[in-house]
Amino acid sequence: MQLYPAIDIKGGKCVRLTQGLFDNVKIYSDTPAAMARLWRSQGATFLHVVDLDGALAGESVNRPVIQAVVEAVDIPVQLGGGIRTRQTVKDMLELGVSRVIIGTKAVERPEFIRELAEEFGPERIVAGVDARDGFVAVEGWEKVSTMTASDLCLRMKDYGVRHIVYTDIARDGMLSGPNVDATKKLTDETGLDVIASGGVSSMEDLQNLYDRGIRGAIIGKALYENRVALEEAVRRFEG
């Protein structure tokens, strides 16, 4: 199981939100690149970075900070938040980002994902599926669409996508445990690399995901609150 320490960027700082609420912010570091180096030193083999300002603005906002993160480590970085045009995808990949996560645009115009996968390669395009009560949320989680998470994932599969970041918004930042059943269901229905996001609070949560055959897990607040020791987690679940 691939582990992804999370670095969420807002106003150039490393923060965590609770349930995706932008007025419920806790700052953990003034320098996201320093956090990237810390997680790398503890064994991280992949990082998950989100431009929270970009998610709301609809365009990449924290480019210099993202560049600093990418340049600070020798491991791949996947990036989400405000990536809604082909040019932004191209810019971020040229910046050194390994994979870009498309969320809102995947719902609004799913064919956009197919075009990106054809141009840049399916390994580099990730569909971000953020769900509230089973329905996909968009625009920084401010709006809920009429499309189910399952329907969106299956359409993404048809378009060549191999990786899905699945977030249960109700659990994000709550340290209440991930939605293992929903993540497992999506994995079984699609056969895709579904990465669990939201709610991981302990080694036990990671063990539950691992035991159910989930292929990836994003760890955010549990790392920052010292509930999960990254070195041990990497050794147990990636090795």
C-alpha atoms as a PDB file:
ATOM      1  CA  MET A   1       0.000   0.000   0.000  1.00  0.00           C
ATOM      2  CA  GLN A   2       1.443   3.346  -1.033  1.00  0.00           C
ATOM      3  CA  LEU A   3       1.394   5.986   1.722  1.00  0.00           C
ATOM      4  CA  TYR A   4       1.067   9.680   0.903  1.00  0.00           C
ATOM      5  CA  PRO A   5       1.903  12.226   3.619  1.00  0.00           C
ATOM      6  CA  ALA A   6      -0.277  15.261   2.914  1.00  0.00           C
ATOM      7  CA  ILE A   7       0.875  18.851   2.609  1.00  0.00           C
ATOM      8  CA  ASP A   8      -2.073  21.244   2.276  1.00  0.00           C
ATOM      9  CA  ILE A   9      -1.097  24.785   1.296  1.00  0.00           C
ATOM     10  CA  LYS A  10      -3.107  27.878   2.176  1.00  0.00           C
ATOM     11  CA  GLY A  11      -1.655  31.364   2.087  1.00  0.00           C
ATOM     12  CA  GLY A  12       1.755  29.831   1.471  1.00  0.00           C
ATOM     13  CA  LYS A  13       1.636  27.889   4.762  1.00  0.00           C
ATOM     14  CA  CYS A  14       1.155  24.218   5.592  1.00  0.00           C
ATOM     15  CA  VAL A  15      -2.313  23.805   7.135  1.00  0.00           C
ATOM     16  CA  ARG A  16      -5.065  21.292   7.821  1.00  0.00           C
ATOM     17  CA  LEU A  17      -8.779  21.902   7.402  1.00  0.00           C
ATOM     18  CA  THR A  18     -11.583  20.091   9.191  1.00  0.00           C
ATOM     19  CA  GLN A  19     -14.255  18.631   6.887  1.00  0.00           C
ATOM     20  CA  GLY A  20     -12.939  20.856   4.122  1.00  0.00           C
ATOM     21  CA  LEU A  21     -14.157  24.022   5.840  1.00  0.00           C
ATOM     22  CA  PHE A  22     -11.962  26.961   4.901  1.00  0.00           C
ATOM     23  CA  ASP A  23     -12.796  28.814   8.099  1.00  0.00           C
ATOM     24  CA  ASN A  24     -11.622  25.846  10.187  1.00  0.00           C
ATOM     25  CA  VAL A  25      -7.873  26.046   9.618  1.00  0.00           C
ATOM     26  CA  LYS A  26      -4.903  25.027  11.732  1.00  0.00           C
ATOM     27  CA  ILE A  27      -1.414  26.109  10.660  1.00  0.00           C
ATOM     28  CA  TYR A  28       1.329  23.509  11.174  1.00  0.00           C
ATOM     29  CA  SER A  29       4.243  25.140   9.377  1.00  0.00           C
ATOM     30  CA  ASP A  30       5.128  28.408   7.680  1.00  0.00           C
ATOM     31  CA  THR A  31       7.305  26.492   5.217  1.00  0.00           C
ATOM     32  CA  PRO A  32       5.687  23.601   3.311  1.00  0.00           C
ATOM     33  CA  ALA A  33       9.051  22.693   1.741  1.00  0.00           C
ATOM     34  CA  ALA A  34      10.447  22.079   5.229  1.00  0.00           C
ATOM     35  CA  MET A  35       7.549  19.723   5.946  1.00  0.00           C
ATOM     36  CA  ALA A  36       8.301  17.902   2.695  1.00  0.00           C
ATOM     37  CA  ARG A  37      11.901  17.411   3.797  1.00  0.00           C
ATOM     38  CA  LEU A  38      10.739  16.193   7.220  1.00  0.00           C
ATOM     39  CA  TRP A  39       8.406  13.553   5.768  1.00  0.00           C
ATOM     40  CA  ARG A  40      11.112  12.498   3.322  1.00  0.00           C
ATOM     41  CA  SER A  41      13.595  12.094   6.177  1.00  0.00           C
ATOM     42  CA  GLN A  42      11.075   9.817   7.894  1.00  0.00           C
ATOM     43  CA  GLY A  43      10.819   7.500   4.920  1.00  0.00           C
ATOM     44  CA  ALA A  44       8.121   9.033   2.706  1.00  0.00           C
ATOM     45  CA  THR A  45       8.282   7.705  -0.868  1.00  0.00           C
ATOM     46  CA  PHE A  46       5.491   9.869  -2.347  1.00  0.00           C
ATOM     47  CA  LEU A  47       3.908  13.173  -1.276  1.00  0.00           C
ATOM     48  CA  HIS A  48       0.348  14.444  -1.686  1.00  0.00           C
ATOM     49  CA  VAL A  49       0.155  18.239  -2.046  1.00  0.00           C
ATOM     50  CA  VAL A  50      -3.023  20.307  -2.263  1.00  0.00           C
ATOM     51  CA  ASP A  51      -3.253  23.977  -3.228  1.00  0.00           C
ATOM     52  CA  LEU A  52      -6.300  24.872  -1.114  1.00  0.00           C
ATOM     53  CA  ASP A  53      -6.364  28.460  -2.372  1.00  0.00           C
ATOM     54  CA  GLY A  54      -6.282  27.089  -5.905  1.00  0.00           C
ATOM     55  CA  ALA A  55      -9.227  24.788  -5.220  1.00  0.00           C
ATOM     56  CA  LEU A  56     -11.367  27.809  -4.356  1.00  0.00           C
ATOM     57  CA  ALA A  57      -9.955  30.169  -6.967  1.00  0.00           C
ATOM     58  CA  GLY A  58     -10.192  27.643  -9.793  1.00  0.00           C
ATOM     59  CA  GLU A  59      -6.569  28.153 -10.774  1.00  0.00           C
ATOM     60  CA  SER A  60      -3.159  27.433  -9.294  1.00  0.00           C
ATOM     61  CA  VAL A  61      -2.356  30.059  -6.636  1.00  0.00           C
ATOM     62  CA  ASN A  62       0.674  28.803  -4.698  1.00  0.00           C
ATOM     63  CA  ARG A  63       2.988  27.976  -7.604  1.00  0.00           C
ATOM     64  CA  PRO A  64       6.254  29.217  -5.976  1.00  0.00           C
ATOM     65  CA  VAL A  65       5.501  27.210  -2.821  1.00  0.00           C
ATOM     66  CA  ILE A  66       4.668  24.103  -4.860  1.00  0.00           C
ATOM     67  CA  GLN A  67       7.894  24.506  -6.802  1.00  0.00           C
ATOM     68  CA  ALA A  68       9.836  24.766  -3.540  1.00  0.00           C
ATOM     69  CA  VAL A  69       8.241  21.539  -2.282  1.00  0.00           C
ATOM     70  CA  VAL A  70       9.070  19.667  -5.496  1.00  0.00           C
ATOM     71  CA  GLU A  71      12.669  20.913  -5.442  1.00  0.00           C
ATOM     72  CA  ALA A  72      13.099  20.072  -1.737  1.00  0.00           C
ATOM     73  CA  VAL A  73      12.721  16.296  -2.153  1.00  0.00           C
ATOM     74  CA  ASP A  74      13.866  13.479  -4.431  1.00  0.00           C
ATOM     75  CA  ILE A  75      10.543  11.610  -4.391  1.00  0.00           C
ATOM     76  CA  PRO A  76       7.441  12.012  -6.589  1.00  0.00           C
ATOM     77  CA  VAL A  77       4.757  14.554  -5.718  1.00  0.00           C
ATOM     78  CA  GLN A  78       1.099  14.457  -6.720  1.00  0.00           C
ATOM     79  CA  LEU A  79      -0.736  17.770  -6.750  1.00  0.00           C
ATOM     80  CA  GLY A  80      -4.371  18.789  -6.560  1.00  0.00           C
ATOM     81  CA  GLY A  81      -6.285  22.039  -6.165  1.00  0.00           C
ATOM     82  CA  GLY A  82      -7.405  24.405  -8.909  1.00  0.00           C
ATOM     83  CA  ILE A  83      -6.094  22.351 -11.826  1.00  0.00           C
ATOM     84  CA  ARG A  84      -8.810  22.923 -14.404  1.00  0.00           C
ATOM     85  CA  THR A  85      -7.062  23.712 -17.698  1.00  0.00           C
ATOM     86  CA  ARG A  86      -4.705  21.842 -19.995  1.00  0.00           C
ATOM     87  CA  GLN A  87      -2.165  24.639 -19.648  1.00  0.00           C
ATOM     88  CA  THR A  88      -2.134  24.351 -15.851  1.00  0.00           C
ATOM     89  CA  VAL A  89      -1.603  20.596 -16.134  1.00  0.00           C
ATOM     90  CA  LYS A  90       1.289  21.198 -18.539  1.00  0.00           C
ATOM     91  CA  ASP A  91       2.785  23.891 -16.285  1.00  0.00           C
ATOM     92  CA  MET A  92       2.654  21.722 -13.177  1.00  0.00           C
ATOM     93  CA  LEU A  93       4.145  18.679 -14.892  1.00  0.00           C
ATOM     94  CA  GLU A  94       6.940  20.863 -16.294  1.00  0.00           C
ATOM     95  CA  LEU A  95       7.465  22.197 -12.763  1.00  0.00           C
ATOM     96  CA  GLY A  96       8.373  18.680 -11.717  1.00  0.00           C
ATOM     97  CA  VAL A  97       5.076  17.431 -10.295  1.00  0.00           C
ATOM     98  CA  SER A  98       4.708  13.706 -11.096  1.00  0.00           C
ATOM     99  CA  ARG A  99       0.914  13.443 -11.110  1.00  0.00           C
ATOM    100  CA  VAL A 100      -1.848  16.029 -11.201  1.00  0.00           C
ATOM    101  CA  ILE A 101      -5.245  15.515  -9.610  1.00  0.00           C
ATOM    102  CA  ILE A 102      -8.312  16.768 -11.474  1.00  0.00           C
ATOM    103  CA  GLY A 103     -11.431  17.153  -9.347  1.00  0.00           C
ATOM    104  CA  THR A 104     -14.069  19.733 -10.295  1.00  0.00           C
ATOM    105  CA  LYS A 105     -13.337  19.573 -14.016  1.00  0.00           C
ATOM    106  CA  ALA A 106     -13.678  15.779 -14.007  1.00  0.00           C
ATOM    107  CA  VAL A 107     -17.297  16.224 -12.959  1.00  0.00           C
ATOM    108  CA  GLU A 108     -18.101  19.243 -15.133  1.00  0.00           C
ATOM    109  CA  ARG A 109     -16.516  17.843 -18.294  1.00  0.00           C
ATOM    110  CA  PRO A 110     -15.341  14.231 -17.908  1.00  0.00           C
ATOM    111  CA  GLU A 111     -14.035  14.150 -21.506  1.00  0.00           C
ATOM    112  CA  PHE A 112     -11.364  16.609 -20.362  1.00  0.00           C
ATOM    113  CA  ILE A 113      -9.772  13.750 -18.397  1.00  0.00           C
ATOM    114  CA  ARG A 114      -9.646  11.565 -21.497  1.00  0.00           C
ATOM    115  CA  GLU A 115      -7.917  14.329 -23.453  1.00  0.00           C
ATOM    116  CA  LEU A 116      -5.349  14.814 -20.692  1.00  0.00           C
ATOM    117  CA  ALA A 117      -4.688  11.081 -20.336  1.00  0.00           C
ATOM    118  CA  GLU A 118      -4.123  10.807 -24.082  1.00  0.00           C
ATOM    119  CA  GLU A 119      -1.771  13.797 -24.191  1.00  0.00           C
ATOM    120  CA  PHE A 120       0.244  13.397 -20.985  1.00  0.00           C
ATOM    121  CA  GLY A 121      -0.203   9.691 -20.245  1.00  0.00           C
ATOM    122  CA  PRO A 122      -2.684   7.974 -17.899  1.00  0.00           C
ATOM    123  CA  GLU A 123      -0.062   7.563 -15.152  1.00  0.00           C
ATOM    124  CA  ARG A 124       0.199  11.330 -14.764  1.00  0.00           C
ATOM    125  CA  ILE A 125      -3.509  12.165 -14.533  1.00  0.00           C
ATOM    126  CA  VAL A 126      -5.400  11.355 -11.325  1.00  0.00           C
ATOM    127  CA  ALA A 127      -9.132  11.830 -10.834  1.00  0.00           C
ATOM    128  CA  GLY A 128     -10.006  13.410  -7.508  1.00  0.00           C
ATOM    129  CA  VAL A 129     -13.345  12.053  -6.352  1.00  0.00           C
ATOM    130  CA  ASP A 130     -14.546  13.950  -3.295  1.00  0.00           C
ATOM    131  CA  ALA A 131     -17.858  12.678  -1.973  1.00  0.00           C
ATOM    132  CA  ARG A 132     -20.417  13.769   0.563  1.00  0.00           C
ATOM    133  CA  ASP A 133     -23.035  11.084   1.292  1.00  0.00           C
ATOM    134  CA  GLY A 134     -21.967   9.247  -1.851  1.00  0.00           C
ATOM    135  CA  PHE A 135     -22.353  12.240  -4.194  1.00  0.00           C
ATOM    136  CA  VAL A 136     -19.424  14.087  -5.707  1.00  0.00           C
ATOM    137  CA  ALA A 137     -18.626  17.576  -4.390  1.00  0.00           C
ATOM    138  CA  VAL A 138     -16.887  20.240  -6.475  1.00  0.00           C
ATOM    139  CA  GLU A 139     -15.388  23.746  -6.308  1.00  0.00           C
ATOM    140  CA  GLY A 140     -13.419  23.331  -3.114  1.00  0.00           C
ATOM    141  CA  TRP A 141     -16.210  21.110  -1.745  1.00  0.00           C
ATOM    142  CA  GLU A 142     -18.543  24.108  -1.717  1.00  0.00           C
ATOM    143  CA  LYS A 143     -21.103  22.435  -4.027  1.00  0.00           C
ATOM    144  CA  VAL A 144     -22.465  18.872  -4.280  1.00  0.00           C
ATOM    145  CA  SER A 145     -23.239  17.484  -7.750  1.00  0.00           C
ATOM    146  CA  THR A 146     -25.842  14.893  -8.779  1.00  0.00           C
ATOM    147  CA  MET A 147     -23.191  12.353  -9.841  1.00  0.00           C
ATOM    148  CA  THR A 148     -22.324   9.435  -7.577  1.00  0.00           C
ATOM    149  CA  ALA A 149     -18.724   8.599  -6.751  1.00  0.00           C
ATOM    150  CA  SER A 150     -19.106   5.165  -8.310  1.00  0.00           C
ATOM    151  CA  ASP A 151     -20.449   6.506 -11.619  1.00  0.00           C
ATOM    152  CA  LEU A 152     -17.647   9.049 -11.871  1.00  0.00           C
ATOM    153  CA  CYS A 153     -14.956   6.444 -11.143  1.00  0.00           C
ATOM    154  CA  LEU A 154     -16.296   4.065 -13.785  1.00  0.00           C
ATOM    155  CA  ARG A 155     -16.369   6.852 -16.342  1.00  0.00           C
ATOM    156  CA  MET A 156     -12.805   7.797 -15.448  1.00  0.00           C
ATOM    157  CA  LYS A 157     -11.768   4.162 -15.979  1.00  0.00           C
ATOM    158  CA  ASP A 158     -13.307   4.237 -19.446  1.00  0.00           C
ATOM    159  CA  TYR A 159     -11.139   7.250 -20.193  1.00  0.00           C
ATOM    160  CA  GLY A 160      -7.911   5.524 -19.249  1.00  0.00           C
ATOM    161  CA  VAL A 161      -7.416   6.848 -15.716  1.00  0.00           C
ATOM    162  CA  ARG A 162      -5.617   4.426 -13.379  1.00  0.00           C
ATOM    163  CA  HIS A 163      -5.483   6.372 -10.110  1.00  0.00           C
ATOM    164  CA  ILE A 164      -8.343   7.797  -8.042  1.00  0.00           C
ATOM    165  CA  VAL A 165      -8.005   9.876  -4.882  1.00  0.00           C
ATOM    166  CA  TYR A 166     -11.231   9.175  -3.025  1.00  0.00           C
ATOM    167  CA  THR A 167     -12.086  11.545  -0.189  1.00  0.00           C
ATOM    168  CA  ASP A 168     -14.994  11.137   2.198  1.00  0.00           C
ATOM    169  CA  ILE A 169     -15.471  14.800   3.086  1.00  0.00           C
ATOM    170  CA  ALA A 170     -17.391  14.091   6.294  1.00  0.00           C
ATOM    171  CA  ARG A 171     -14.310  12.346   7.685  1.00  0.00           C
ATOM    172  CA  ASP A 172     -11.616  14.687   6.411  1.00  0.00           C
ATOM    173  CA  GLY A 173      -9.598  16.153   9.250  1.00  0.00           C
ATOM    174  CA  MET A 174     -11.849  14.508  11.832  1.00  0.00           C
ATOM    175  CA  LEU A 175      -9.481  11.692  12.864  1.00  0.00           C
ATOM    176  CA  SER A 176     -12.578   9.485  12.893  1.00  0.00           C
ATOM    177  CA  GLY A 177     -11.266   6.692  10.692  1.00  0.00           C
ATOM    178  CA  PRO A 178     -11.466   6.417   6.886  1.00  0.00           C
ATOM    179  CA  ASN A 179     -14.529   5.126   5.093  1.00  0.00           C
ATOM    180  CA  VAL A 180     -13.014   1.697   4.474  1.00  0.00           C
ATOM    181  CA  ASP A 181     -16.198   0.103   3.133  1.00  0.00           C
ATOM    182  CA  ALA A 182     -16.814   2.815   0.532  1.00  0.00           C
ATOM    183  CA  THR A 183     -13.163   2.794  -0.544  1.00  0.00           C
ATOM    184  CA  LYS A 184     -13.155  -1.006  -0.822  1.00  0.00           C
ATOM    185  CA  LYS A 185     -16.409  -0.907  -2.807  1.00  0.00           C
ATOM    186  CA  LEU A 186     -14.934   1.561  -5.296  1.00  0.00           C
ATOM    187  CA  THR A 187     -11.762  -0.537  -5.590  1.00  0.00           C
ATOM    188  CA  ASP A 188     -13.762  -3.707  -6.282  1.00  0.00           C
ATOM    189  CA  GLU A 189     -16.167  -2.040  -8.715  1.00  0.00           C
ATOM    190  CA  THR A 190     -13.498  -0.331 -10.778  1.00  0.00           C
ATOM    191  CA  GLY A 191     -10.278  -2.319 -10.366  1.00  0.00           C
ATOM    192  CA  LEU A 192      -8.505   1.041 -10.142  1.00  0.00           C
ATOM    193  CA  ASP A 193      -5.818   2.242  -7.753  1.00  0.00           C
ATOM    194  CA  VAL A 194      -8.195   3.922  -5.312  1.00  0.00           C
ATOM    195  CA  ILE A 195      -6.306   6.022  -2.770  1.00  0.00           C
ATOM    196  CA  ALA A 196      -8.148   6.551   0.506  1.00  0.00           C
ATOM    197  CA  SER A 197      -8.237  10.126   1.756  1.00  0.00           C
ATOM    198  CA  GLY A 198      -9.887  11.561   4.841  1.00  0.00           C
ATOM    199  CA  GLY A 199     -10.129  10.322   8.414  1.00  0.00           C
ATOM    200  CA  VAL A 200      -6.948   8.274   8.900  1.00  0.00           C
ATOM    201  CA  SER A 201      -6.230   8.627  12.619  1.00  0.00           C
ATOM    202  CA  SER A 202      -4.044   5.695  13.638  1.00  0.00           C
ATOM    203  CA  MET A 203      -1.934   2.721  12.625  1.00  0.00           C
ATOM    204  CA  GLU A 204      -5.067   0.632  13.138  1.00  0.00           C
ATOM    205  CA  ASP A 205      -6.873   2.632  10.446  1.00  0.00           C
ATOM    206  CA  LEU A 206      -3.984   2.003   8.060  1.00  0.00           C
ATOM    207  CA  GLN A 207      -4.036  -1.684   8.964  1.00  0.00           C
ATOM    208  CA  ASN A 208      -7.770  -1.845   8.173  1.00  0.00           C
ATOM    209  CA  LEU A 209      -7.169  -0.311   4.739  1.00  0.00           C
ATOM    210  CA  TYR A 210      -4.215  -2.601   4.121  1.00  0.00           C
ATOM    211  CA  ASP A 211      -6.144  -5.717   5.137  1.00  0.00           C
ATOM    212  CA  ARG A 212      -8.983  -4.825   2.745  1.00  0.00           C
ATOM    213  CA  GLY A 213      -6.618  -4.507  -0.205  1.00  0.00           C
ATOM    214  CA  ILE A 214      -6.749  -0.720  -0.546  1.00  0.00           C
ATOM    215  CA  ARG A 215      -3.764   0.358  -2.643  1.00  0.00           C
ATOM    216  CA  GLY A 216      -3.045   3.793  -1.240  1.00  0.00           C
ATOM    217  CA  ALA A 217      -3.719   6.020   1.764  1.00  0.00           C
ATOM    218  CA  ILE A 218      -3.232   9.736   2.334  1.00  0.00           C
ATOM    219  CA  ILE A 219      -2.218  10.669   5.867  1.00  0.00           C
ATOM    220  CA  GLY A 220      -2.735  14.233   7.023  1.00  0.00           C
ATOM    221  CA  LYS A 221      -3.697  15.361  10.501  1.00  0.00           C
ATOM    222  CA  ALA A 222      -2.691  12.017  12.057  1.00  0.00           C
ATOM    223  CA  LEU A 223       0.927  12.768  11.108  1.00  0.00           C
ATOM    224  CA  TYR A 224       0.817  16.368  12.255  1.00  0.00           C
ATOM    225  CA  GLU A 225      -0.781  15.370  15.565  1.00  0.00           C
ATOM    226  CA  ASN A 226       1.766  12.555  16.091  1.00  0.00           C
ATOM    227  CA  ARG A 227      -0.856   9.809  16.011  1.00  0.00           C
ATOM    228  CA  VAL A 228       0.953   7.921  13.246  1.00  0.00           C
ATOM    229  CA  ALA A 229       4.733   7.392  13.134  1.00  0.00           C
ATOM    230  CA  LEU A 230       5.582   7.645   9.454  1.00  0.00           C
ATOM    231  CA  GLU A 231       8.761   5.549   9.591  1.00  0.00           C
ATOM    232  CA  GLU A 232       6.928   2.635  11.189  1.00  0.00           C
ATOM    233  CA  ALA A 233       3.955   3.001   8.824  1.00  0.00           C
ATOM    234  CA  VAL A 234       6.200   2.926   5.767  1.00  0.00           C
ATOM    235  CA  ARG A 235       7.995  -0.133   7.095  1.00  0.00           C
ATOM    236  CA  ARG A 236       4.746  -1.993   7.841  1.00  0.00           C
ATOM    237  CA  PHE A 237       2.588  -1.109   4.870  1.00  0.00           C
ATOM    238  CA  GLU A 238       4.900  -0.282   1.989  1.00  0.00           C
ATOM    239  CA  GLY A 239       7.605  -2.870   2.604  1.00  0.00           C
END
